[in-house]
Amino acid sequence: MNYDQIWQAIDKIAKQNGLSLSGLAKKSGLDATTFNKSKRVGPNGKKRCPSLESLNKILDTCHLNFADFYYLAENKSHISNYLTVPSVTLSNIKNPAKFSPKQNDTSSWQTACLPFLPQNTYAVDVDSKNFEPFYPLGATLVVERYSEINSMDRVIILTKSSETFIKEFLFFDGQVVKLQSINNPKDVSVLKVQDIKLLNRIIWASQ
């Protein structure tokens, strides 16, 4: 791969994930300017390629391998494990303008890449530190819309009062749902069914 192909592949990864170059860098734990156009040429005018460490970080974040990176660089359409689902940030779940539990049109959403693609799923980017260490800031959750939920499954809940939670499901008796905190098992809460707008099971998490 030559200089132009390497940067072309990085540009594609950012675009396919609905991210700017700085967004891709930050999501991968790098300085926001790592992939900027200005960083591609040194002060002396010499072309500069990204470090192997930087490449490893973005591939790990997007669940790609070097074969996938090669296909992108070579303008080939086949990518062995690149799959995408619509993606929304956790804080936007409570925003009706950004998210609806029954929303079918997700064309305006960003996307997240996954190593697998279950049906009826969407991705949630954790943009809060409230769920560490289980789900650190920047983690991606894959959530299934229509799924049987069993005891101790982790779920995302949106109430009709626009509160958003990540909890462990305990039981449902037909009228109320009992949940416990993922950080403190002694912190148990009960929600009436009529107060719940969304209750979806978390089936996978990337950390």
N, C-alpha and C. Protein backbone atom coordinates (compact mmCIF):
# COMPACT_ATOMS: atom_id res chain seq x y z
N MET A 1 0.84 -1.19 0.00
CA MET A 1 0.00 0.00 0.00
C MET A 1 0.88 1.24 0.00
N ASN A 2 0.52 2.19 -0.84
CA ASN A 2 1.27 3.43 -0.87
C ASN A 2 0.63 4.47 0.05
N TYR A 3 1.28 5.61 0.11
CA TYR A 3 0.84 6.71 1.00
C TYR A 3 -0.63 7.07 0.76
N ASP A 4 -1.00 7.30 -0.50
CA ASP A 4 -2.37 7.72 -0.81
C ASP A 4 -3.39 6.65 -0.45
N GLN A 5 -3.06 5.38 -0.68
CA GLN A 5 -3.99 4.30 -0.37
C GLN A 5 -4.25 4.18 1.13
N ILE A 6 -3.21 4.36 1.92
CA ILE A 6 -3.36 4.25 3.38
C ILE A 6 -4.32 5.32 3.89
N TRP A 7 -4.13 6.56 3.47
CA TRP A 7 -5.01 7.63 3.94
C TRP A 7 -6.40 7.49 3.34
N GLN A 8 -6.50 6.97 2.13
CA GLN A 8 -7.80 6.74 1.52
C GLN A 8 -8.59 5.73 2.34
N ALA A 9 -7.94 4.68 2.82
CA ALA A 9 -8.61 3.67 3.63
C ALA A 9 -9.10 4.27 4.95
N ILE A 10 -8.29 5.12 5.56
CA ILE A 10 -8.70 5.76 6.82
C ILE A 10 -9.90 6.68 6.58
N ASP A 11 -9.88 7.42 5.49
CA ASP A 11 -11.01 8.29 5.15
C ASP A 11 -12.29 7.47 4.99
N LYS A 12 -12.18 6.30 4.36
CA LYS A 12 -13.34 5.44 4.15
C LYS A 12 -13.88 4.90 5.47
N ILE A 13 -12.99 4.49 6.35
CA ILE A 13 -13.43 3.97 7.65
C ILE A 13 -14.21 5.03 8.41
N ALA A 14 -13.72 6.25 8.41
CA ALA A 14 -14.42 7.35 9.08
C ALA A 14 -15.80 7.56 8.46
N LYS A 15 -15.86 7.62 7.14
CA LYS A 15 -17.12 7.88 6.44
C LYS A 15 -18.13 6.77 6.68
N GLN A 16 -17.67 5.51 6.61
CA GLN A 16 -18.59 4.39 6.77
C GLN A 16 -19.12 4.26 8.19
N ASN A 17 -18.46 4.90 9.13
CA ASN A 17 -18.93 4.90 10.51
C ASN A 17 -19.65 6.19 10.88
N GLY A 18 -19.89 7.04 9.88
CA GLY A 18 -20.60 8.28 10.13
C GLY A 18 -19.83 9.24 11.01
N LEU A 19 -18.49 9.20 10.92
CA LEU A 19 -17.64 10.01 11.78
C LEU A 19 -16.77 10.96 10.95
N SER A 20 -16.42 12.06 11.55
CA SER A 20 -15.39 12.91 10.97
C SER A 20 -14.05 12.26 11.28
N LEU A 21 -12.99 12.76 10.68
CA LEU A 21 -11.66 12.22 10.98
C LEU A 21 -11.29 12.43 12.44
N SER A 22 -11.64 13.59 12.98
CA SER A 22 -11.36 13.83 14.40
C SER A 22 -12.23 12.95 15.28
N GLY A 23 -13.47 12.69 14.84
CA GLY A 23 -14.36 11.81 15.60
C GLY A 23 -13.84 10.38 15.65
N LEU A 24 -13.31 9.91 14.52
CA LEU A 24 -12.72 8.57 14.47
C LEU A 24 -11.52 8.49 15.41
N ALA A 25 -10.70 9.52 15.39
CA ALA A 25 -9.51 9.54 16.25
C ALA A 25 -9.90 9.50 17.72
N LYS A 26 -10.85 10.35 18.12
CA LYS A 26 -11.27 10.41 19.52
C LYS A 26 -11.93 9.11 19.97
N LYS A 27 -12.74 8.53 19.09
CA LYS A 27 -13.42 7.27 19.42
C LYS A 27 -12.39 6.14 19.61
N SER A 28 -11.24 6.28 18.96
CA SER A 28 -10.18 5.27 19.05
C SER A 28 -9.18 5.57 20.15
N GLY A 29 -9.44 6.62 20.93
CA GLY A 29 -8.55 6.95 22.04
C GLY A 29 -7.30 7.71 21.61
N LEU A 30 -7.38 8.37 20.47
CA LEU A 30 -6.23 9.12 19.95
C LEU A 30 -6.50 10.62 20.01
N ASP A 31 -5.46 11.40 19.83
CA ASP A 31 -5.62 12.84 19.74
C ASP A 31 -6.52 13.18 18.56
N ALA A 32 -7.40 14.15 18.75
CA ALA A 32 -8.40 14.48 17.72
C ALA A 32 -7.80 14.88 16.38
N THR A 33 -6.55 15.33 16.38
CA THR A 33 -5.93 15.80 15.14
C THR A 33 -5.10 14.72 14.43
N THR A 34 -5.09 13.51 14.97
CA THR A 34 -4.21 12.45 14.46
C THR A 34 -4.34 12.23 12.95
N PHE A 35 -5.58 12.25 12.43
CA PHE A 35 -5.80 11.93 11.02
C PHE A 35 -6.14 13.14 10.17
N ASN A 36 -5.98 14.33 10.74
CA ASN A 36 -6.28 15.54 9.98
C ASN A 36 -5.39 15.67 8.75
N LYS A 37 -5.91 16.35 7.75
CA LYS A 37 -5.16 16.54 6.50
C LYS A 37 -3.80 17.20 6.77
N SER A 38 -3.79 18.11 7.75
CA SER A 38 -2.55 18.83 8.04
C SER A 38 -1.46 17.94 8.62
N LYS A 39 -1.86 16.78 9.19
CA LYS A 39 -0.89 15.87 9.78
C LYS A 39 -0.30 14.88 8.77
N ARG A 40 -0.75 14.96 7.53
CA ARG A 40 -0.32 14.00 6.53
C ARG A 40 0.96 14.44 5.80
N VAL A 41 1.38 15.64 6.11
CA VAL A 41 2.63 16.15 5.55
C VAL A 41 3.43 16.80 6.68
N GLY A 42 4.70 16.47 6.78
CA GLY A 42 5.55 17.03 7.82
C GLY A 42 5.94 18.47 7.55
N PRO A 43 6.54 19.15 8.53
CA PRO A 43 6.96 20.55 8.37
C PRO A 43 7.91 20.76 7.19
N ASN A 44 8.66 19.70 6.84
CA ASN A 44 9.61 19.81 5.73
C ASN A 44 8.98 19.44 4.39
N GLY A 45 7.65 19.21 4.40
CA GLY A 45 6.97 18.87 3.16
C GLY A 45 6.98 17.39 2.83
N LYS A 46 7.60 16.58 3.68
CA LYS A 46 7.67 15.15 3.44
C LYS A 46 6.36 14.47 3.84
N LYS A 47 5.91 13.54 2.99
CA LYS A 47 4.67 12.83 3.28
C LYS A 47 4.81 11.99 4.55
N ARG A 48 3.76 11.99 5.36
CA ARG A 48 3.79 11.29 6.63
C ARG A 48 2.64 10.30 6.71
N CYS A 49 2.94 9.06 7.08
CA CYS A 49 1.93 8.02 7.24
C CYS A 49 1.57 7.87 8.73
N PRO A 50 0.38 7.38 9.03
CA PRO A 50 0.02 7.15 10.43
C PRO A 50 0.86 6.03 11.02
N SER A 51 1.02 6.04 12.33
CA SER A 51 1.79 4.99 12.99
C SER A 51 1.01 3.69 13.01
N LEU A 52 1.74 2.58 13.16
CA LEU A 52 1.10 1.27 13.26
C LEU A 52 0.19 1.22 14.48
N GLU A 53 0.59 1.89 15.55
CA GLU A 53 -0.23 1.91 16.77
C GLU A 53 -1.57 2.60 16.50
N SER A 54 -1.54 3.70 15.76
CA SER A 54 -2.78 4.41 15.43
C SER A 54 -3.69 3.55 14.56
N LEU A 55 -3.11 2.87 13.58
CA LEU A 55 -3.90 1.98 12.72
C LEU A 55 -4.54 0.86 13.53
N ASN A 56 -3.75 0.26 14.42
CA ASN A 56 -4.28 -0.82 15.25
C ASN A 56 -5.47 -0.34 16.08
N LYS A 57 -5.38 0.87 16.59
CA LYS A 57 -6.46 1.39 17.44
C LYS A 57 -7.76 1.60 16.66
N ILE A 58 -7.66 2.15 15.44
CA ILE A 58 -8.90 2.36 14.71
C ILE A 58 -9.48 1.04 14.19
N LEU A 59 -8.61 0.10 13.84
CA LEU A 59 -9.11 -1.20 13.41
C LEU A 59 -9.79 -1.93 14.56
N ASP A 60 -9.21 -1.84 15.75
CA ASP A 60 -9.79 -2.46 16.92
C ASP A 60 -11.14 -1.82 17.25
N THR A 61 -11.21 -0.50 17.18
CA THR A 61 -12.44 0.22 17.49
C THR A 61 -13.57 -0.16 16.54
N CYS A 62 -13.22 -0.33 15.26
CA CYS A 62 -14.24 -0.64 14.24
C CYS A 62 -14.33 -2.13 13.92
N HIS A 63 -13.65 -2.96 14.71
CA HIS A 63 -13.71 -4.42 14.55
C HIS A 63 -13.33 -4.86 13.15
N LEU A 64 -12.26 -4.27 12.66
CA LEU A 64 -11.70 -4.63 11.36
C LEU A 64 -10.33 -5.26 11.56
N ASN A 65 -9.85 -5.96 10.53
CA ASN A 65 -8.49 -6.47 10.58
C ASN A 65 -7.69 -5.89 9.42
N PHE A 66 -6.43 -6.27 9.32
CA PHE A 66 -5.59 -5.68 8.28
C PHE A 66 -6.00 -6.12 6.88
N ALA A 67 -6.62 -7.29 6.77
CA ALA A 67 -7.14 -7.70 5.46
C ALA A 67 -8.25 -6.75 5.02
N ASP A 68 -9.13 -6.36 5.97
CA ASP A 68 -10.19 -5.40 5.66
C ASP A 68 -9.59 -4.06 5.24
N PHE A 69 -8.56 -3.65 5.97
CA PHE A 69 -7.90 -2.37 5.67
C PHE A 69 -7.30 -2.41 4.26
N TYR A 70 -6.73 -3.54 3.90
CA TYR A 70 -6.15 -3.71 2.57
C TYR A 70 -7.22 -3.58 1.48
N TYR A 71 -8.38 -4.22 1.71
CA TYR A 71 -9.46 -4.13 0.72
C TYR A 71 -9.91 -2.69 0.53
N LEU A 72 -10.02 -1.95 1.63
CA LEU A 72 -10.41 -0.54 1.53
C LEU A 72 -9.36 0.25 0.76
N ALA A 73 -8.10 0.00 1.05
CA ALA A 73 -7.01 0.73 0.39
C ALA A 73 -6.95 0.42 -1.10
N GLU A 74 -7.32 -0.80 -1.46
CA GLU A 74 -7.25 -1.24 -2.86
C GLU A 74 -8.55 -0.97 -3.63
N ASN A 75 -9.50 -0.26 -2.98
CA ASN A 75 -10.78 0.03 -3.63
C ASN A 75 -11.58 -1.23 -3.96
N LYS A 76 -11.42 -2.25 -3.15
CA LYS A 76 -12.18 -3.48 -3.37
C LYS A 76 -13.41 -3.46 -2.48
N SER A 77 -14.48 -4.05 -2.98
CA SER A 77 -15.76 -3.95 -2.28
C SER A 77 -15.89 -4.94 -1.14
N HIS A 78 -15.19 -6.06 -1.23
CA HIS A 78 -15.35 -7.09 -0.20
C HIS A 78 -14.60 -6.72 1.08
N ILE A 79 -15.32 -6.76 2.18
CA ILE A 79 -14.70 -6.60 3.49
C ILE A 79 -15.18 -7.77 4.33
N SER A 80 -14.26 -8.54 4.87
CA SER A 80 -14.60 -9.83 5.45
C SER A 80 -15.57 -9.75 6.61
N ASN A 81 -15.43 -8.74 7.50
CA ASN A 81 -16.30 -8.74 8.67
C ASN A 81 -16.88 -7.37 8.96
N TYR A 82 -17.02 -6.54 7.93
CA TYR A 82 -17.53 -5.19 8.16
C TYR A 82 -19.03 -5.15 7.95
N LEU A 83 -19.76 -4.93 9.02
CA LEU A 83 -21.21 -4.84 8.98
C LEU A 83 -21.62 -3.61 9.78
N THR A 84 -22.71 -2.98 9.40
CA THR A 84 -23.11 -1.78 10.10
C THR A 84 -24.56 -1.86 10.59
N VAL A 85 -24.83 -1.14 11.67
CA VAL A 85 -26.19 -0.96 12.17
C VAL A 85 -26.37 0.52 12.49
N PRO A 86 -27.62 1.00 12.50
CA PRO A 86 -27.85 2.40 12.90
C PRO A 86 -27.36 2.62 14.33
N SER A 87 -26.86 3.83 14.60
CA SER A 87 -26.26 4.11 15.90
C SER A 87 -26.76 5.44 16.45
N VAL A 88 -27.07 5.46 17.75
CA VAL A 88 -27.52 6.67 18.44
C VAL A 88 -26.75 6.78 19.75
N THR A 89 -26.49 7.99 20.22
CA THR A 89 -25.82 8.13 21.52
C THR A 89 -26.82 7.90 22.64
N LEU A 90 -26.32 7.44 23.77
CA LEU A 90 -27.18 7.16 24.91
C LEU A 90 -27.97 8.39 25.35
N SER A 91 -27.33 9.54 25.34
CA SER A 91 -28.01 10.76 25.78
C SER A 91 -29.13 11.19 24.84
N ASN A 92 -29.07 10.75 23.57
CA ASN A 92 -30.10 11.13 22.61
C ASN A 92 -31.31 10.20 22.62
N ILE A 93 -31.25 9.10 23.36
CA ILE A 93 -32.40 8.20 23.41
C ILE A 93 -33.63 8.90 23.98
N LYS A 94 -33.40 9.83 24.90
CA LYS A 94 -34.52 10.54 25.53
C LYS A 94 -34.96 11.77 24.73
N ASN A 95 -34.31 12.01 23.59
CA ASN A 95 -34.64 13.17 22.75
C ASN A 95 -35.56 12.73 21.61
N PRO A 96 -36.86 13.08 21.67
CA PRO A 96 -37.82 12.62 20.63
C PRO A 96 -37.41 13.02 19.22
N ALA A 97 -36.67 14.12 19.11
CA ALA A 97 -36.25 14.56 17.77
C ALA A 97 -35.14 13.68 17.21
N LYS A 98 -34.44 12.97 18.08
CA LYS A 98 -33.32 12.14 17.66
C LYS A 98 -33.64 10.65 17.67
N PHE A 99 -34.63 10.25 18.47
CA PHE A 99 -34.86 8.81 18.67
C PHE A 99 -36.33 8.55 18.99
N SER A 100 -36.85 7.52 18.39
CA SER A 100 -38.19 7.04 18.72
C SER A 100 -38.13 5.53 18.88
N PRO A 101 -38.74 4.97 19.94
CA PRO A 101 -38.70 3.52 20.14
C PRO A 101 -39.22 2.73 18.95
N LYS A 102 -40.13 3.32 18.18
CA LYS A 102 -40.72 2.63 17.04
C LYS A 102 -40.21 3.18 15.71
N GLN A 103 -39.12 3.92 15.78
CA GLN A 103 -38.60 4.57 14.58
C GLN A 103 -38.08 3.56 13.57
N ASN A 104 -38.60 3.67 12.35
CA ASN A 104 -38.16 2.79 11.27
C ASN A 104 -37.18 3.49 10.33
N ASP A 105 -37.31 4.81 10.20
CA ASP A 105 -36.43 5.56 9.33
C ASP A 105 -35.20 6.00 10.12
N THR A 106 -34.09 5.33 9.90
CA THR A 106 -32.85 5.66 10.61
C THR A 106 -31.81 6.24 9.65
N SER A 107 -32.28 6.77 8.53
CA SER A 107 -31.35 7.26 7.51
C SER A 107 -30.51 8.44 7.99
N SER A 108 -31.01 9.19 8.97
CA SER A 108 -30.27 10.34 9.47
C SER A 108 -29.32 9.96 10.61
N TRP A 109 -29.35 8.70 11.05
CA TRP A 109 -28.50 8.26 12.15
C TRP A 109 -27.08 8.06 11.67
N GLN A 110 -26.15 8.01 12.61
CA GLN A 110 -24.81 7.55 12.30
C GLN A 110 -24.85 6.03 12.25
N THR A 111 -23.70 5.40 11.95
CA THR A 111 -23.64 3.95 11.92
C THR A 111 -22.50 3.46 12.79
N ALA A 112 -22.61 2.21 13.21
CA ALA A 112 -21.54 1.56 13.97
C ALA A 112 -21.20 0.25 13.27
N CYS A 113 -19.93 -0.10 13.23
CA CYS A 113 -19.52 -1.34 12.58
C CYS A 113 -19.39 -2.44 13.61
N LEU A 114 -19.80 -3.64 13.23
CA LEU A 114 -19.86 -4.78 14.14
C LEU A 114 -19.27 -6.02 13.47
N PRO A 115 -18.84 -7.00 14.27
CA PRO A 115 -18.35 -8.24 13.70
C PRO A 115 -19.47 -9.22 13.36
N PHE A 116 -20.72 -8.84 13.62
CA PHE A 116 -21.87 -9.69 13.32
C PHE A 116 -23.07 -8.78 13.13
N LEU A 117 -24.17 -9.29 12.62
CA LEU A 117 -25.32 -8.45 12.34
C LEU A 117 -26.63 -9.17 12.65
N PRO A 118 -27.07 -9.14 13.91
CA PRO A 118 -28.37 -9.71 14.24
C PRO A 118 -29.48 -8.84 13.67
N GLN A 119 -30.67 -9.39 13.57
CA GLN A 119 -31.80 -8.63 13.07
C GLN A 119 -32.36 -7.74 14.18
N ASN A 120 -33.08 -6.71 13.77
CA ASN A 120 -33.80 -5.82 14.70
C ASN A 120 -32.89 -5.20 15.75
N THR A 121 -31.72 -4.79 15.33
CA THR A 121 -30.77 -4.21 16.28
C THR A 121 -30.42 -2.78 15.91
N TYR A 122 -29.94 -2.06 16.90
CA TYR A 122 -29.34 -0.76 16.69
C TYR A 122 -28.21 -0.62 17.70
N ALA A 123 -27.33 0.33 17.47
CA ALA A 123 -26.19 0.52 18.36
C ALA A 123 -26.38 1.78 19.19
N VAL A 124 -25.85 1.74 20.40
CA VAL A 124 -25.90 2.89 21.30
C VAL A 124 -24.47 3.21 21.73
N ASP A 125 -24.03 4.43 21.48
CA ASP A 125 -22.71 4.88 21.92
C ASP A 125 -22.84 5.47 23.32
N VAL A 126 -22.11 4.93 24.26
CA VAL A 126 -22.18 5.41 25.64
C VAL A 126 -21.39 6.72 25.75
N ASP A 127 -22.10 7.81 25.98
CA ASP A 127 -21.46 9.13 26.09
C ASP A 127 -21.55 9.66 27.52
N SER A 128 -21.49 8.73 28.47
CA SER A 128 -21.55 9.09 29.88
C SER A 128 -20.60 8.18 30.66
N LYS A 129 -20.08 8.67 31.78
CA LYS A 129 -19.22 7.87 32.64
C LYS A 129 -19.99 7.19 33.77
N ASN A 130 -21.32 7.30 33.74
CA ASN A 130 -22.14 6.78 34.83
C ASN A 130 -22.16 5.26 34.92
N PHE A 131 -21.71 4.58 33.86
CA PHE A 131 -21.84 3.12 33.84
C PHE A 131 -20.49 2.41 33.86
N GLU A 132 -19.44 3.17 34.19
CA GLU A 132 -18.12 2.56 34.35
C GLU A 132 -18.11 1.75 35.65
N PRO A 133 -17.34 0.65 35.75
CA PRO A 133 -16.38 0.17 34.75
C PRO A 133 -16.97 -0.77 33.71
N PHE A 134 -18.27 -1.08 33.85
CA PHE A 134 -18.88 -2.06 32.94
C PHE A 134 -18.98 -1.53 31.51
N TYR A 135 -19.43 -0.31 31.36
CA TYR A 135 -19.52 0.31 30.05
C TYR A 135 -18.84 1.67 30.10
N PRO A 136 -17.55 1.73 29.78
CA PRO A 136 -16.81 3.00 29.86
C PRO A 136 -17.26 3.99 28.79
N LEU A 137 -16.91 5.22 29.01
CA LEU A 137 -17.18 6.26 28.03
C LEU A 137 -16.62 5.84 26.67
N GLY A 138 -17.47 5.87 25.63
CA GLY A 138 -17.04 5.49 24.29
C GLY A 138 -17.38 4.06 23.91
N ALA A 139 -17.88 3.27 24.86
CA ALA A 139 -18.27 1.89 24.55
C ALA A 139 -19.47 1.89 23.60
N THR A 140 -19.57 0.86 22.78
CA THR A 140 -20.72 0.70 21.88
C THR A 140 -21.55 -0.49 22.35
N LEU A 141 -22.84 -0.27 22.52
CA LEU A 141 -23.76 -1.33 22.91
C LEU A 141 -24.62 -1.71 21.72
N VAL A 142 -24.84 -2.99 21.52
CA VAL A 142 -25.78 -3.45 20.50
C VAL A 142 -27.05 -3.87 21.22
N VAL A 143 -28.16 -3.26 20.81
CA VAL A 143 -29.43 -3.42 21.50
C VAL A 143 -30.44 -4.03 20.54
N GLU A 144 -31.19 -5.01 21.02
CA GLU A 144 -32.18 -5.69 20.18
C GLU A 144 -33.57 -5.18 20.53
N ARG A 145 -34.31 -4.79 19.50
CA ARG A 145 -35.63 -4.20 19.70
C ARG A 145 -36.66 -5.20 20.21
N TYR A 146 -36.74 -6.35 19.58
CA TYR A 146 -37.78 -7.32 19.90
C TYR A 146 -37.12 -8.59 20.37
N SER A 147 -36.91 -8.69 21.65
CA SER A 147 -36.16 -9.82 22.18
C SER A 147 -36.76 -10.26 23.51
N GLU A 148 -36.78 -11.55 23.73
CA GLU A 148 -37.19 -12.06 25.04
C GLU A 148 -36.15 -11.64 26.07
N ILE A 149 -36.62 -11.12 27.18
CA ILE A 149 -35.72 -10.64 28.23
C ILE A 149 -35.82 -11.56 29.43
N ASN A 150 -34.67 -12.04 29.86
CA ASN A 150 -34.62 -12.97 30.99
C ASN A 150 -33.97 -12.32 32.20
N SER A 151 -34.15 -12.94 33.34
CA SER A 151 -33.57 -12.44 34.58
C SER A 151 -32.06 -12.26 34.44
N MET A 152 -31.56 -11.13 34.89
CA MET A 152 -30.14 -10.72 34.89
C MET A 152 -29.65 -10.27 33.53
N ASP A 153 -30.52 -10.20 32.52
CA ASP A 153 -30.14 -9.57 31.27
C ASP A 153 -29.96 -8.07 31.51
N ARG A 154 -29.01 -7.47 30.84
CA ARG A 154 -28.85 -6.02 30.93
C ARG A 154 -29.71 -5.35 29.87
N VAL A 155 -30.36 -4.27 30.27
CA VAL A 155 -31.33 -3.62 29.40
C VAL A 155 -31.14 -2.11 29.41
N ILE A 156 -31.62 -1.49 28.35
CA ILE A 156 -31.74 -0.03 28.29
C ILE A 156 -33.20 0.31 28.48
N ILE A 157 -33.48 1.24 29.38
CA ILE A 157 -34.84 1.64 29.68
C ILE A 157 -35.01 3.12 29.41
N LEU A 158 -36.09 3.48 28.76
CA LEU A 158 -36.48 4.87 28.59
C LEU A 158 -37.87 5.02 29.18
N THR A 159 -38.02 5.92 30.16
CA THR A 159 -39.32 6.13 30.78
C THR A 159 -40.09 7.23 30.04
N LYS A 160 -41.37 7.32 30.31
CA LYS A 160 -42.19 8.35 29.66
C LYS A 160 -41.85 9.73 30.17
N SER A 161 -41.12 9.81 31.28
CA SER A 161 -40.66 11.10 31.78
C SER A 161 -39.26 11.44 31.26
N SER A 162 -38.82 10.67 30.23
CA SER A 162 -37.54 10.91 29.52
C SER A 162 -36.32 10.64 30.37
N GLU A 163 -36.40 9.69 31.28
CA GLU A 163 -35.22 9.23 32.01
C GLU A 163 -34.66 8.00 31.30
N THR A 164 -33.34 7.92 31.21
CA THR A 164 -32.69 6.80 30.54
C THR A 164 -31.82 6.05 31.54
N PHE A 165 -31.94 4.71 31.56
CA PHE A 165 -31.18 3.89 32.48
C PHE A 165 -30.57 2.70 31.75
N ILE A 166 -29.45 2.21 32.29
CA ILE A 166 -28.95 0.88 31.95
C ILE A 166 -29.00 0.08 33.24
N LYS A 167 -29.79 -0.99 33.24
CA LYS A 167 -30.03 -1.77 34.45
C LYS A 167 -29.95 -3.26 34.15
N GLU A 168 -29.99 -4.07 35.21
CA GLU A 168 -30.15 -5.52 35.08
C GLU A 168 -31.59 -5.86 35.37
N PHE A 169 -32.19 -6.62 34.47
CA PHE A 169 -33.59 -7.01 34.58
C PHE A 169 -33.73 -8.14 35.61
N LEU A 170 -34.65 -7.99 36.55
CA LEU A 170 -34.89 -9.04 37.55
C LEU A 170 -36.14 -9.84 37.23
N PHE A 171 -37.31 -9.16 37.19
CA PHE A 171 -38.52 -9.89 36.81
C PHE A 171 -39.62 -8.92 36.41
N PHE A 172 -40.64 -9.47 35.76
CA PHE A 172 -41.82 -8.73 35.33
C PHE A 172 -43.04 -9.53 35.74
N ASP A 173 -43.94 -8.92 36.48
CA ASP A 173 -45.11 -9.65 36.97
C ASP A 173 -46.40 -9.28 36.26
N GLY A 174 -46.27 -8.57 35.13
CA GLY A 174 -47.45 -8.16 34.38
C GLY A 174 -47.85 -6.73 34.65
N GLN A 175 -47.41 -6.20 35.77
CA GLN A 175 -47.75 -4.82 36.11
C GLN A 175 -46.52 -3.94 36.37
N VAL A 176 -45.50 -4.54 36.96
CA VAL A 176 -44.28 -3.78 37.25
C VAL A 176 -43.06 -4.55 36.78
N VAL A 177 -41.99 -3.81 36.53
CA VAL A 177 -40.71 -4.40 36.17
C VAL A 177 -39.73 -4.08 37.31
N LYS A 178 -39.05 -5.11 37.80
CA LYS A 178 -38.08 -4.92 38.87
C LYS A 178 -36.68 -4.96 38.27
N LEU A 179 -35.85 -3.99 38.63
CA LEU A 179 -34.53 -3.83 38.04
C LEU A 179 -33.51 -3.56 39.13
N GLN A 180 -32.25 -3.85 38.83
CA GLN A 180 -31.20 -3.51 39.78
C GLN A 180 -30.05 -2.81 39.06
N SER A 181 -29.33 -1.99 39.80
CA SER A 181 -28.21 -1.24 39.26
C SER A 181 -27.09 -2.19 38.85
N ILE A 182 -26.40 -1.89 37.75
CA ILE A 182 -25.27 -2.72 37.33
C ILE A 182 -24.05 -2.48 38.20
N ASN A 183 -24.05 -1.36 38.90
CA ASN A 183 -22.91 -1.02 39.77
C ASN A 183 -23.13 -1.41 41.23
N ASN A 184 -24.39 -1.56 41.63
CA ASN A 184 -24.72 -1.86 43.02
C ASN A 184 -25.93 -2.78 43.08
N PRO A 185 -25.72 -4.08 43.27
CA PRO A 185 -26.83 -5.04 43.29
C PRO A 185 -27.89 -4.75 44.36
N LYS A 186 -27.51 -3.99 45.39
CA LYS A 186 -28.46 -3.66 46.45
C LYS A 186 -29.39 -2.51 46.05
N ASP A 187 -29.04 -1.82 44.96
CA ASP A 187 -29.86 -0.72 44.48
C ASP A 187 -30.91 -1.27 43.52
N VAL A 188 -32.09 -1.53 44.05
CA VAL A 188 -33.17 -2.15 43.29
C VAL A 188 -34.29 -1.13 43.08
N SER A 189 -34.83 -1.08 41.89
CA SER A 189 -35.92 -0.15 41.58
C SER A 189 -37.07 -0.89 40.92
N VAL A 190 -38.25 -0.32 41.02
CA VAL A 190 -39.45 -0.91 40.43
C VAL A 190 -40.13 0.15 39.56
N LEU A 191 -40.45 -0.23 38.33
CA LEU A 191 -41.12 0.67 37.41
C LEU A 191 -42.46 0.07 36.98
N LYS A 192 -43.49 0.89 36.95
CA LYS A 192 -44.78 0.44 36.44
C LYS A 192 -44.70 0.34 34.92
N VAL A 193 -45.37 -0.65 34.38
CA VAL A 193 -45.34 -0.88 32.93
C VAL A 193 -45.80 0.36 32.17
N GLN A 194 -46.82 1.02 32.68
CA GLN A 194 -47.36 2.18 31.96
C GLN A 194 -46.41 3.37 31.95
N ASP A 195 -45.36 3.31 32.78
CA ASP A 195 -44.39 4.40 32.82
C ASP A 195 -43.18 4.15 31.91
N ILE A 196 -43.14 2.99 31.27
CA ILE A 196 -41.99 2.62 30.44
C ILE A 196 -42.30 2.86 28.97
N LYS A 197 -41.42 3.59 28.32
CA LYS A 197 -41.57 3.86 26.90
C LYS A 197 -40.78 2.87 26.06
N LEU A 198 -39.64 2.44 26.57
CA LEU A 198 -38.77 1.51 25.84
C LEU A 198 -38.05 0.61 26.84
N LEU A 199 -37.99 -0.67 26.52
CA LEU A 199 -37.23 -1.64 27.32
C LEU A 199 -36.61 -2.63 26.34
N ASN A 200 -35.32 -2.46 26.04
CA ASN A 200 -34.63 -3.30 25.05
C ASN A 200 -33.43 -3.99 25.68
N ARG A 201 -33.17 -5.21 25.23
CA ARG A 201 -32.08 -6.01 25.79
C ARG A 201 -30.75 -5.67 25.12
N ILE A 202 -29.71 -5.53 25.93
CA ILE A 202 -28.35 -5.35 25.42
C ILE A 202 -27.79 -6.72 25.10
N ILE A 203 -27.42 -6.96 23.86
CA ILE A 203 -26.95 -8.30 23.49
C ILE A 203 -25.44 -8.38 23.25
N TRP A 204 -24.79 -7.20 23.19
CA TRP A 204 -23.35 -7.21 22.91
C TRP A 204 -22.78 -5.86 23.27
N ALA A 205 -21.54 -5.83 23.72
CA ALA A 205 -20.90 -4.57 24.06
C ALA A 205 -19.44 -4.59 23.62
N SER A 206 -19.01 -3.51 23.00
CA SER A 206 -17.61 -3.34 22.62
C SER A 206 -16.97 -2.36 23.57
N GLN A 207 -15.87 -2.76 24.19
CA GLN A 207 -15.20 -1.89 25.14
C GLN A 207 -13.75 -1.67 24.72
